[in-house]
């Protein structure tokens, strides 16, 4: 690999890393199936209590 290409690739790699670091991470963390079931159950019970009133 010639020197110019190698320097270009290193530069592009550093730019990509800088952009990734600058962007905010908006992905929600993993929620297990059991936790999702608990959340759904809580939501359903709140809806039922609101409808009864």
N, C-alpha and C. Protein backbone atom coordinates (compact mmCIF):
# COMPACT_ATOMS: atom_id res chain seq x y z
N UNK A 1 0.87 -1.17 0.00
CA UNK A 1 0.00 0.00 0.00
C UNK A 1 0.91 1.23 0.00
N UNK A 2 0.60 2.17 -0.86
CA UNK A 2 1.48 3.32 -0.91
C UNK A 2 1.22 4.29 0.24
N UNK A 3 2.15 5.17 0.47
CA UNK A 3 2.11 6.06 1.62
C UNK A 3 0.90 7.00 1.58
N UNK A 4 0.58 7.51 0.42
CA UNK A 4 -0.54 8.45 0.30
C UNK A 4 -1.87 7.78 0.67
N UNK A 5 -2.07 6.58 0.17
CA UNK A 5 -3.30 5.84 0.46
C UNK A 5 -3.39 5.53 1.95
N UNK A 6 -2.27 5.12 2.54
CA UNK A 6 -2.24 4.78 3.96
C UNK A 6 -2.59 6.00 4.81
N UNK A 7 -2.03 7.15 4.50
CA UNK A 7 -2.33 8.38 5.25
C UNK A 7 -3.79 8.77 5.09
N UNK A 8 -4.32 8.61 3.89
CA UNK A 8 -5.73 8.94 3.64
C UNK A 8 -6.64 8.04 4.47
N UNK A 9 -6.34 6.76 4.52
CA UNK A 9 -7.16 5.83 5.30
C UNK A 9 -7.11 6.15 6.79
N UNK A 10 -5.94 6.49 7.30
CA UNK A 10 -5.81 6.86 8.72
C UNK A 10 -6.62 8.11 9.01
N UNK A 11 -6.54 9.07 8.10
CA UNK A 11 -7.29 10.32 8.27
C UNK A 11 -8.79 10.07 8.27
N UNK A 12 -9.27 9.25 7.34
CA UNK A 12 -10.70 8.93 7.27
C UNK A 12 -11.16 8.19 8.52
N UNK A 13 -10.34 7.30 9.03
CA UNK A 13 -10.66 6.55 10.25
C UNK A 13 -10.80 7.50 11.44
N UNK A 14 -9.91 8.46 11.55
CA UNK A 14 -9.98 9.43 12.65
C UNK A 14 -11.19 10.34 12.53
N UNK A 15 -11.53 10.74 11.30
CA UNK A 15 -12.72 11.56 11.09
C UNK A 15 -13.98 10.80 11.49
N UNK A 16 -14.04 9.52 11.09
CA UNK A 16 -15.19 8.69 11.41
C UNK A 16 -15.34 8.55 12.92
N UNK A 17 -14.25 8.35 13.61
CA UNK A 17 -14.28 8.21 15.07
C UNK A 17 -14.72 9.51 15.73
N UNK A 18 -14.26 10.64 15.22
CA UNK A 18 -14.64 11.93 15.79
C UNK A 18 -16.12 12.21 15.59
N UNK A 19 -16.64 11.87 14.42
CA UNK A 19 -18.07 12.06 14.15
C UNK A 19 -18.91 11.18 15.06
N UNK A 20 -18.49 9.94 15.25
CA UNK A 20 -19.23 9.00 16.09
C UNK A 20 -19.25 9.49 17.54
N UNK A 21 -18.15 10.05 17.97
CA UNK A 21 -18.07 10.55 19.35
C UNK A 21 -18.94 11.78 19.53
N UNK A 22 -19.07 12.59 18.51
CA UNK A 22 -19.85 13.82 18.60
C UNK A 22 -21.35 13.60 18.56
N UNK A 23 -21.78 12.51 17.91
CA UNK A 23 -23.21 12.25 17.81
C UNK A 23 -23.73 11.66 19.10
N UNK A 24 -24.87 12.17 19.53
CA UNK A 24 -25.48 11.67 20.76
C UNK A 24 -26.04 10.28 20.52
N UNK A 25 -25.96 9.46 21.52
CA UNK A 25 -26.48 8.10 21.43
C UNK A 25 -27.92 8.13 21.89
N UNK A 26 -28.83 7.85 20.98
CA UNK A 26 -30.25 7.92 21.31
C UNK A 26 -30.91 6.54 21.33
N UNK A 27 -30.10 5.52 21.31
CA UNK A 27 -30.62 4.17 21.32
C UNK A 27 -30.93 3.76 22.77
N UNK A 28 -32.10 3.19 22.97
CA UNK A 28 -32.51 2.74 24.29
C UNK A 28 -31.81 1.43 24.59
N UNK A 29 -31.40 1.25 25.83
CA UNK A 29 -30.74 0.02 26.22
C UNK A 29 -31.66 -1.17 26.15
N UNK A 30 -31.11 -2.35 26.27
CA UNK A 30 -31.88 -3.59 26.15
C UNK A 30 -32.82 -3.73 27.33
N UNK A 31 -34.06 -4.09 27.06
CA UNK A 31 -35.05 -4.37 28.09
C UNK A 31 -35.48 -5.82 27.91
N UNK A 32 -35.32 -6.62 28.96
CA UNK A 32 -35.63 -8.04 28.85
C UNK A 32 -37.12 -8.26 28.65
N UNK A 33 -37.46 -9.46 28.22
CA UNK A 33 -38.84 -9.81 27.96
C UNK A 33 -39.67 -9.71 29.24
N UNK A 34 -39.09 -10.12 30.37
CA UNK A 34 -39.79 -10.06 31.65
C UNK A 34 -40.06 -8.61 32.05
N UNK A 35 -39.08 -7.74 31.85
CA UNK A 35 -39.26 -6.32 32.18
C UNK A 35 -40.34 -5.69 31.29
N UNK A 36 -40.34 -6.05 30.00
CA UNK A 36 -41.37 -5.52 29.10
C UNK A 36 -42.75 -5.98 29.55
N UNK A 37 -42.85 -7.23 30.01
CA UNK A 37 -44.13 -7.75 30.49
C UNK A 37 -44.59 -6.99 31.73
N UNK A 38 -43.66 -6.69 32.64
CA UNK A 38 -43.99 -5.92 33.85
C UNK A 38 -44.48 -4.52 33.50
N UNK A 39 -43.80 -3.89 32.58
CA UNK A 39 -44.18 -2.54 32.15
C UNK A 39 -45.57 -2.57 31.51
N UNK A 40 -45.80 -3.54 30.65
CA UNK A 40 -47.11 -3.67 29.99
C UNK A 40 -48.21 -3.93 31.01
N UNK A 41 -47.93 -4.77 31.99
CA UNK A 41 -48.91 -5.08 33.03
C UNK A 41 -49.23 -3.83 33.85
N UNK A 42 -48.21 -3.05 34.17
CA UNK A 42 -48.42 -1.82 34.94
C UNK A 42 -49.26 -0.83 34.13
N UNK A 43 -48.97 -0.74 32.84
CA UNK A 43 -49.72 0.18 31.99
C UNK A 43 -51.19 -0.24 31.90
N UNK A 44 -51.41 -1.54 31.74
CA UNK A 44 -52.78 -2.06 31.66
C UNK A 44 -53.54 -1.82 32.95
N UNK A 45 -52.90 -2.02 34.07
CA UNK A 45 -53.57 -1.83 35.35
C UNK A 45 -53.91 -0.35 35.58
N UNK A 46 -53.05 0.55 35.10
CA UNK A 46 -53.35 1.99 35.22
C UNK A 46 -54.54 2.34 34.35
N UNK A 47 -54.62 1.79 33.15
CA UNK A 47 -55.73 2.08 32.25
C UNK A 47 -57.04 1.57 32.83
N UNK A 48 -57.02 0.43 33.45
CA UNK A 48 -58.21 -0.16 34.05
C UNK A 48 -58.69 0.71 35.22
N UNK A 49 -57.74 1.18 36.04
CA UNK A 49 -58.12 2.01 37.18
C UNK A 49 -58.68 3.36 36.71
N UNK A 50 -58.20 3.90 35.64
CA UNK A 50 -58.68 5.16 35.11
C UNK A 50 -60.10 4.98 34.54
N UNK A 51 -60.34 3.86 33.88
CA UNK A 51 -61.65 3.61 33.28
C UNK A 51 -62.72 3.38 34.36
N UNK A 52 -62.35 2.80 35.47
CA UNK A 52 -63.30 2.52 36.55
C UNK A 52 -63.75 3.80 37.23
N UNK A 53 -62.93 4.81 37.25
CA UNK A 53 -63.28 6.06 37.96
C UNK A 53 -64.22 6.92 37.19
